[in-house]
PDB file of N, CA and C in Angstrom:
ATOM      1  N   MET A   1     -27.931  62.959 -71.739  1.00  0.00           N
ATOM      2  CA  MET A   1     -28.140  61.677 -72.358  1.00  0.00           C
ATOM      3  C   MET A   1     -29.465  61.699 -73.119  1.00  0.00           C
ATOM      4  N   THR A   2     -29.419  61.157 -74.321  1.00  0.00           N
ATOM      5  CA  THR A   2     -30.639  61.134 -75.125  1.00  0.00           C
ATOM      6  C   THR A   2     -31.253  59.742 -75.099  1.00  0.00           C
ATOM      7  N   ASP A   3     -32.557  59.717 -75.241  1.00  0.00           N
ATOM      8  CA  ASP A   3     -33.254  58.435 -75.316  1.00  0.00           C
ATOM      9  C   ASP A   3     -33.129  57.902 -76.734  1.00  0.00           C
ATOM     10  N   GLN A   4     -32.760  56.641 -76.837  1.00  0.00           N
ATOM     11  CA  GLN A   4     -32.628  56.023 -78.148  1.00  0.00           C
ATOM     12  C   GLN A   4     -33.695  54.961 -78.330  1.00  0.00           C
ATOM     13  N   THR A   5     -34.100  54.795 -79.576  1.00  0.00           N
ATOM     14  CA  THR A   5     -35.021  53.720 -79.889  1.00  0.00           C
ATOM     15  C   THR A   5     -34.254  52.400 -79.852  1.00  0.00           C
ATOM     16  N   PRO A   6     -34.947  51.289 -79.756  1.00  0.00           N
ATOM     17  CA  PRO A   6     -34.247  49.996 -79.783  1.00  0.00           C
ATOM     18  C   PRO A   6     -33.406  49.809 -81.052  1.00  0.00           C
ATOM     19  N   ALA A   7     -33.911  50.305 -82.175  1.00  0.00           N
ATOM     20  CA  ALA A   7     -33.159  50.183 -83.428  1.00  0.00           C
ATOM     21  C   ALA A   7     -31.865  50.992 -83.372  1.00  0.00           C
ATOM     22  N   GLN A   8     -31.928  52.193 -82.792  1.00  0.00           N
ATOM     23  CA  GLN A   8     -30.725  53.019 -82.676  1.00  0.00           C
ATOM     24  C   GLN A   8     -29.711  52.376 -81.734  1.00  0.00           C
ATOM     25  N   THR A   9     -30.203  51.802 -80.651  1.00  0.00           N
ATOM     26  CA  THR A   9     -29.325  51.120 -79.703  1.00  0.00           C
ATOM     27  C   THR A   9     -28.655  49.932 -80.375  1.00  0.00           C
ATOM     28  N   PHE A  10     -29.430  49.142 -81.122  1.00  0.00           N
ATOM     29  CA  PHE A  10     -28.888  47.996 -81.833  1.00  0.00           C
ATOM     30  C   PHE A  10     -27.835  48.438 -82.846  1.00  0.00           C
ATOM     31  N   ASN A  11     -28.135  49.499 -83.612  1.00  0.00           N
ATOM     32  CA  ASN A  11     -27.192  50.006 -84.602  1.00  0.00           C
ATOM     33  C   ASN A  11     -25.900  50.481 -83.943  1.00  0.00           C
ATOM     34  N   ALA A  12     -26.016  51.125 -82.780  1.00  0.00           N
ATOM     35  CA  ALA A  12     -24.828  51.597 -82.067  1.00  0.00           C
ATOM     36  C   ALA A  12     -23.974  50.422 -81.598  1.00  0.00           C
ATOM     37  N   ILE A  13     -24.629  49.355 -81.145  1.00  0.00           N
ATOM     38  CA  ILE A  13     -23.890  48.172 -80.699  1.00  0.00           C
ATOM     39  C   ILE A  13     -23.182  47.512 -81.877  1.00  0.00           C
ATOM     40  N   VAL A  14     -23.881  47.359 -82.989  1.00  0.00           N
ATOM     41  CA  VAL A  14     -23.278  46.750 -84.170  1.00  0.00           C
ATOM     42  C   VAL A  14     -22.096  47.592 -84.653  1.00  0.00           C
ATOM     43  N   ALA A  15     -22.257  48.901 -84.682  1.00  0.00           N
ATOM     44  CA  ALA A  15     -21.165  49.779 -85.105  1.00  0.00           C
ATOM     45  C   ALA A  15     -19.957  49.642 -84.186  1.00  0.00           C
ATOM     46  N   SER A  16     -20.190  49.536 -82.884  1.00  0.00           N
ATOM     47  CA  SER A  16     -19.065  49.407 -81.953  1.00  0.00           C
ATOM     48  C   SER A  16     -18.363  48.067 -82.126  1.00  0.00           C
ATOM     49  N   LEU A  17     -19.118  47.025 -82.414  1.00  0.00           N
ATOM     50  CA  LEU A  17     -18.508  45.716 -82.661  1.00  0.00           C
ATOM     51  C   LEU A  17     -17.664  45.733 -83.933  1.00  0.00           C
ATOM     52  N   ILE A  18     -18.159  46.378 -84.959  1.00  0.00           N
ATOM     53  CA  ILE A  18     -17.407  46.487 -86.211  1.00  0.00           C
ATOM     54  C   ILE A  18     -16.127  47.286 -85.983  1.00  0.00           C
ATOM     55  N   ARG A  19     -16.237  48.402 -85.251  1.00  0.00           N
ATOM     56  CA  ARG A  19     -15.045  49.221 -84.975  1.00  0.00           C
ATOM     57  C   ARG A  19     -14.007  48.440 -84.183  1.00  0.00           C
ATOM     58  N   THR A  20     -14.433  47.509 -83.372  1.00  0.00           N
ATOM     59  CA  THR A  20     -13.507  46.704 -82.587  1.00  0.00           C
ATOM     60  C   THR A  20     -12.911  45.571 -83.423  1.00  0.00           C
ATOM     61  N   ALA A  21     -13.723  44.916 -84.220  1.00  0.00           N
ATOM     62  CA  ALA A  21     -13.274  43.741 -84.965  1.00  0.00           C
ATOM     63  C   ALA A  21     -12.390  44.075 -86.163  1.00  0.00           C
ATOM     64  N   VAL A  22     -12.717  45.107 -86.901  1.00  0.00           N
ATOM     65  CA  VAL A  22     -11.999  45.396 -88.145  1.00  0.00           C
ATOM     66  C   VAL A  22     -10.504  45.658 -87.921  1.00  0.00           C
ATOM     67  N   PRO A  23     -10.094  46.479 -86.941  1.00  0.00           N
ATOM     68  CA  PRO A  23      -8.649  46.646 -86.738  1.00  0.00           C
ATOM     69  C   PRO A  23      -7.957  45.339 -86.349  1.00  0.00           C
ATOM     70  N   GLY A  24      -8.626  44.513 -85.578  1.00  0.00           N
ATOM     71  CA  GLY A  24      -8.041  43.232 -85.201  1.00  0.00           C
ATOM     72  C   GLY A  24      -7.855  42.326 -86.407  1.00  0.00           C
ATOM     73  N   ILE A  25      -8.861  42.281 -87.260  1.00  0.00           N
ATOM     74  CA  ILE A  25      -8.774  41.469 -88.480  1.00  0.00           C
ATOM     75  C   ILE A  25      -7.698  42.013 -89.408  1.00  0.00           C
ATOM     76  N   ALA A  26      -7.647  43.332 -89.566  1.00  0.00           N
ATOM     77  CA  ALA A  26      -6.613  43.942 -90.410  1.00  0.00           C
ATOM     78  C   ALA A  26      -5.227  43.622 -89.868  1.00  0.00           C
ATOM     79  N   GLY A  27      -5.052  43.738 -88.565  1.00  0.00           N
ATOM     80  CA  GLY A  27      -3.763  43.426 -87.958  1.00  0.00           C
ATOM     81  C   GLY A  27      -3.402  41.969 -88.133  1.00  0.00           C
ATOM     82  N   LEU A  28      -4.374  41.093 -87.982  1.00  0.00           N
ATOM     83  CA  LEU A  28      -4.141  39.664 -88.143  1.00  0.00           C
ATOM     84  C   LEU A  28      -3.689  39.347 -89.561  1.00  0.00           C
ATOM     85  N   ILE A  29      -4.380  39.878 -90.536  1.00  0.00           N
ATOM     86  CA  ILE A  29      -4.035  39.617 -91.940  1.00  0.00           C
ATOM     87  C   ILE A  29      -2.678  40.211 -92.292  1.00  0.00           C
ATOM     88  N   LEU A  30      -2.467  41.474 -91.945  1.00  0.00           N
ATOM     89  CA  LEU A  30      -1.188  42.107 -92.273  1.00  0.00           C
ATOM     90  C   LEU A  30      -0.033  41.455 -91.527  1.00  0.00           C
ATOM     91  N   GLY A  31      -0.237  41.136 -90.278  1.00  0.00           N
ATOM     92  CA  GLY A  31       0.800  40.457 -89.513  1.00  0.00           C
ATOM     93  C   GLY A  31       1.141  39.109 -90.115  1.00  0.00           C
ATOM     94  N   TRP A  32       0.127  38.357 -90.529  1.00  0.00           N
ATOM     95  CA  TRP A  32       0.362  37.062 -91.154  1.00  0.00           C
ATOM     96  C   TRP A  32       1.113  37.222 -92.471  1.00  0.00           C
ATOM     97  N   LEU A  33       0.716  38.191 -93.292  1.00  0.00           N
ATOM     98  CA  LEU A  33       1.396  38.400 -94.574  1.00  0.00           C
ATOM     99  C   LEU A  33       2.875  38.732 -94.383  1.00  0.00           C
ATOM    100  N   VAL A  34       3.159  39.555 -93.413  1.00  0.00           N
ATOM    101  CA  VAL A  34       4.554  39.913 -93.158  1.00  0.00           C
ATOM    102  C   VAL A  34       5.309  38.735 -92.553  1.00  0.00           C
ATOM    103  N   SER A  35       4.690  38.028 -91.642  1.00  0.00           N
ATOM    104  CA  SER A  35       5.395  36.964 -90.929  1.00  0.00           C
ATOM    105  C   SER A  35       5.758  35.778 -91.816  1.00  0.00           C
ATOM    106  N   ILE A  36       5.057  35.579 -92.908  1.00  0.00           N
ATOM    107  CA  ILE A  36       5.390  34.429 -93.739  1.00  0.00           C
ATOM    108  C   ILE A  36       6.712  34.621 -94.478  1.00  0.00           C
ATOM    109  N   ASN A  37       7.201  35.851 -94.542  1.00  0.00           N
ATOM    110  CA  ASN A  37       8.466  36.112 -95.216  1.00  0.00           C
ATOM    111  C   ASN A  37       9.514  36.735 -94.305  1.00  0.00           C
ATOM    112  N   VAL A  38       9.245  36.814 -93.017  1.00  0.00           N
ATOM    113  CA  VAL A  38      10.164  37.474 -92.096  1.00  0.00           C
ATOM    114  C   VAL A  38      10.774  36.438 -91.163  1.00  0.00           C
ATOM    115  N   SER A  39      12.082  36.473 -91.036  1.00  0.00           N
ATOM    116  CA  SER A  39      12.767  35.583 -90.100  1.00  0.00           C
ATOM    117  C   SER A  39      13.767  36.414 -89.317  1.00  0.00           C
ATOM    118  N   ILE A  40      13.577  36.483 -88.005  1.00  0.00           N
ATOM    119  CA  ILE A  40      14.486  37.232 -87.145  1.00  0.00           C
ATOM    120  C   ILE A  40      15.152  36.233 -86.209  1.00  0.00           C
ATOM    121  N   PRO A  41      16.479  36.090 -86.309  1.00  0.00           N
ATOM    122  CA  PRO A  41      17.164  35.128 -85.444  1.00  0.00           C
ATOM    123  C   PRO A  41      16.915  35.418 -83.964  1.00  0.00           C
ATOM    124  N   GLY A  42      16.621  34.368 -83.195  1.00  0.00           N
ATOM    125  CA  GLY A  42      16.411  34.512 -81.763  1.00  0.00           C
ATOM    126  C   GLY A  42      15.002  34.906 -81.364  1.00  0.00           C
ATOM    127  N   VAL A  43      14.126  35.119 -82.332  1.00  0.00           N
ATOM    128  CA  VAL A  43      12.742  35.492 -82.023  1.00  0.00           C
ATOM    129  C   VAL A  43      11.836  34.390 -82.554  1.00  0.00           C
ATOM    130  N   SER A  44      10.995  33.854 -81.690  1.00  0.00           N
ATOM    131  CA  SER A  44      10.104  32.782 -82.131  1.00  0.00           C
ATOM    132  C   SER A  44       9.018  33.333 -83.042  1.00  0.00           C
ATOM    133  N   GLU A  45       8.561  32.500 -83.940  1.00  0.00           N
ATOM    134  CA  GLU A  45       7.512  32.930 -84.860  1.00  0.00           C
ATOM    135  C   GLU A  45       6.231  33.351 -84.158  1.00  0.00           C
ATOM    136  N   PRO A  46       5.744  32.596 -83.167  1.00  0.00           N
ATOM    137  CA  PRO A  46       4.515  33.040 -82.488  1.00  0.00           C
ATOM    138  C   PRO A  46       4.667  34.414 -81.824  1.00  0.00           C
ATOM    139  N   ALA A  47       5.821  34.672 -81.244  1.00  0.00           N
ATOM    140  CA  ALA A  47       6.039  35.980 -80.617  1.00  0.00           C
ATOM    141  C   ALA A  47       6.040  37.076 -81.676  1.00  0.00           C
ATOM    142  N   LEU A  48       6.701  36.817 -82.780  1.00  0.00           N
ATOM    143  CA  LEU A  48       6.761  37.792 -83.868  1.00  0.00           C
ATOM    144  C   LEU A  48       5.365  38.047 -84.426  1.00  0.00           C
ATOM    145  N   GLU A  49       4.616  36.989 -84.631  1.00  0.00           N
ATOM    146  CA  GLU A  49       3.259  37.154 -85.158  1.00  0.00           C
ATOM    147  C   GLU A  49       2.378  37.942 -84.196  1.00  0.00           C
ATOM    148  N   GLY A  50       2.514  37.704 -82.904  1.00  0.00           N
ATOM    149  CA  GLY A  50       1.741  38.455 -81.925  1.00  0.00           C
ATOM    150  C   GLY A  50       2.059  39.931 -81.951  1.00  0.00           C
ATOM    151  N   VAL A  51       3.346  40.236 -82.011  1.00  0.00           N
ATOM    152  CA  VAL A  51       3.778  41.642 -82.053  1.00  0.00           C
ATOM    153  C   VAL A  51       3.294  42.302 -83.338  1.00  0.00           C
ATOM    154  N   LEU A  52       3.457  41.609 -84.461  1.00  0.00           N
ATOM    155  CA  LEU A  52       3.029  42.185 -85.736  1.00  0.00           C
ATOM    156  C   LEU A  52       1.514  42.366 -85.781  1.00  0.00           C
ATOM    157  N   THR A  53       0.776  41.414 -85.253  1.00  0.00           N
ATOM    158  CA  THR A  53      -0.679  41.537 -85.232  1.00  0.00           C
ATOM    159  C   THR A  53      -1.108  42.763 -84.443  1.00  0.00           C
ATOM    160  N   PHE A  54      -0.535  42.934 -83.265  1.00  0.00           N
ATOM    161  CA  PHE A  54      -0.868  44.104 -82.468  1.00  0.00           C
ATOM    162  C   PHE A  54      -0.447  45.392 -83.171  1.00  0.00           C
ATOM    163  N   ALA A  55       0.780  45.421 -83.674  1.00  0.00           N
ATOM    164  CA  ALA A  55       1.315  46.646 -84.292  1.00  0.00           C
ATOM    165  C   ALA A  55       0.485  47.070 -85.506  1.00  0.00           C
ATOM    166  N   PHE A  56       0.175  46.132 -86.384  1.00  0.00           N
ATOM    167  CA  PHE A  56      -0.591  46.496 -87.565  1.00  0.00           C
ATOM    168  C   PHE A  56      -2.041  46.831 -87.227  1.00  0.00           C
ATOM    169  N   GLY A  57      -2.617  46.120 -86.279  1.00  0.00           N
ATOM    170  CA  GLY A  57      -3.979  46.454 -85.852  1.00  0.00           C
ATOM    171  C   GLY A  57      -4.052  47.843 -85.251  1.00  0.00           C
ATOM    172  N   PHE A  58      -3.077  48.162 -84.402  1.00  0.00           N
ATOM    173  CA  PHE A  58      -3.029  49.492 -83.791  1.00  0.00           C
ATOM    174  C   PHE A  58      -2.813  50.563 -84.853  1.00  0.00           C
ATOM    175  N   ALA A  59      -1.893  50.325 -85.788  1.00  0.00           N
ATOM    176  CA  ALA A  59      -1.615  51.307 -86.847  1.00  0.00           C
ATOM    177  C   ALA A  59      -2.857  51.538 -87.707  1.00  0.00           C
ATOM    178  N   TYR A  60      -3.553  50.454 -88.041  1.00  0.00           N
ATOM    179  CA  TYR A  60      -4.772  50.583 -88.834  1.00  0.00           C
ATOM    180  C   TYR A  60      -5.816  51.412 -88.082  1.00  0.00           C
ATOM    181  N   TYR A  61      -6.029  51.076 -86.812  1.00  0.00           N
ATOM    182  CA  TYR A  61      -7.022  51.786 -86.012  1.00  0.00           C
ATOM    183  C   TYR A  61      -6.669  53.267 -85.886  1.00  0.00           C
ATOM    184  N   ALA A  62      -5.401  53.562 -85.617  1.00  0.00           N
ATOM    185  CA  ALA A  62      -4.961  54.954 -85.481  1.00  0.00           C
ATOM    186  C   ALA A  62      -5.164  55.712 -86.783  1.00  0.00           C
ATOM    187  N   ALA A  63      -4.834  55.077 -87.904  1.00  0.00           N
ATOM    188  CA  ALA A  63      -4.984  55.743 -89.202  1.00  0.00           C
ATOM    189  C   ALA A  63      -6.450  56.049 -89.496  1.00  0.00           C
ATOM    190  N   VAL A  64      -7.326  55.090 -89.243  1.00  0.00           N
ATOM    191  CA  VAL A  64      -8.755  55.308 -89.496  1.00  0.00           C
ATOM    192  C   VAL A  64      -9.299  56.402 -88.587  1.00  0.00           C
ATOM    193  N   ARG A  65      -8.912  56.390 -87.309  1.00  0.00           N
ATOM    194  CA  ARG A  65      -9.381  57.428 -86.382  1.00  0.00           C
ATOM    195  C   ARG A  65      -8.941  58.813 -86.843  1.00  0.00           C
ATOM    196  N   LEU A  66      -7.705  58.926 -87.335  1.00  0.00           N
ATOM    197  CA  LEU A  66      -7.216  60.221 -87.817  1.00  0.00           C
ATOM    198  C   LEU A  66      -7.927  60.630 -89.102  1.00  0.00           C
ATOM    199  N   LEU A  67      -8.127  59.677 -90.008  1.00  0.00           N
ATOM    200  CA  LEU A  67      -8.791  59.989 -91.274  1.00  0.00           C
ATOM    201  C   LEU A  67     -10.261  60.342 -91.096  1.00  0.00           C
ATOM    202  N   GLU A  68     -10.907  59.764 -90.083  1.00  0.00           N
ATOM    203  CA  GLU A  68     -12.323  60.076 -89.894  1.00  0.00           C
ATOM    204  C   GLU A  68     -12.536  61.486 -89.357  1.00  0.00           C
ATOM    205  N   LYS A  69     -11.491  62.125 -88.886  1.00  0.00           N
ATOM    206  CA  LYS A  69     -11.610  63.545 -88.512  1.00  0.00           C
ATOM    207  C   LYS A  69     -11.935  64.373 -89.753  1.00  0.00           C
ATOM    208  N   LYS A  70     -11.304  63.975 -90.889  1.00  0.00           N
ATOM    209  CA  LYS A  70     -11.536  64.702 -92.135  1.00  0.00           C
ATOM    210  C   LYS A  70     -12.781  64.172 -92.864  1.00  0.00           C
ATOM    211  N   TRP A  71     -12.975  62.852 -92.826  1.00  0.00           N
ATOM    212  CA  TRP A  71     -14.105  62.208 -93.482  1.00  0.00           C
ATOM    213  C   TRP A  71     -14.870  61.383 -92.441  1.00  0.00           C
ATOM    214  N   PRO A  72     -15.825  61.992 -91.740  1.00  0.00           N
ATOM    215  CA  PRO A  72     -16.529  61.305 -90.642  1.00  0.00           C
ATOM    216  C   PRO A  72     -17.203  59.990 -91.039  1.00  0.00           C
ATOM    217  N   LYS A  73     -17.664  59.857 -92.271  1.00  0.00           N
ATOM    218  CA  LYS A  73     -18.327  58.619 -92.684  1.00  0.00           C
ATOM    219  C   LYS A  73     -17.363  57.437 -92.732  1.00  0.00           C
ATOM    220  N   LEU A  74     -16.089  57.709 -92.782  1.00  0.00           N
ATOM    221  CA  LEU A  74     -15.091  56.636 -92.789  1.00  0.00           C
ATOM    222  C   LEU A  74     -15.144  55.848 -91.493  1.00  0.00           C
ATOM    223  N   GLY A  75     -15.480  56.495 -90.409  1.00  0.00           N
ATOM    224  CA  GLY A  75     -15.560  55.819 -89.109  1.00  0.00           C
ATOM    225  C   GLY A  75     -16.728  54.889 -89.047  1.00  0.00           C
TER     226      GLY A  75
END
């Protein structure tokens, strides 16, 4: 374990918050965009939106994690 300065610790916390929030926001936006034009008989809209939000957020996060292997600054 290395000793970090307060600034480095703060930067690490901010980076972790961004990494957590961005996939959720992406999933929320993409799920909403899809849900406004999608109608599946027998499935409630809130349930569909929840599933789409999770699915798109997860897909976004997985894609970024894979791409950052090639381009580390992307992470």
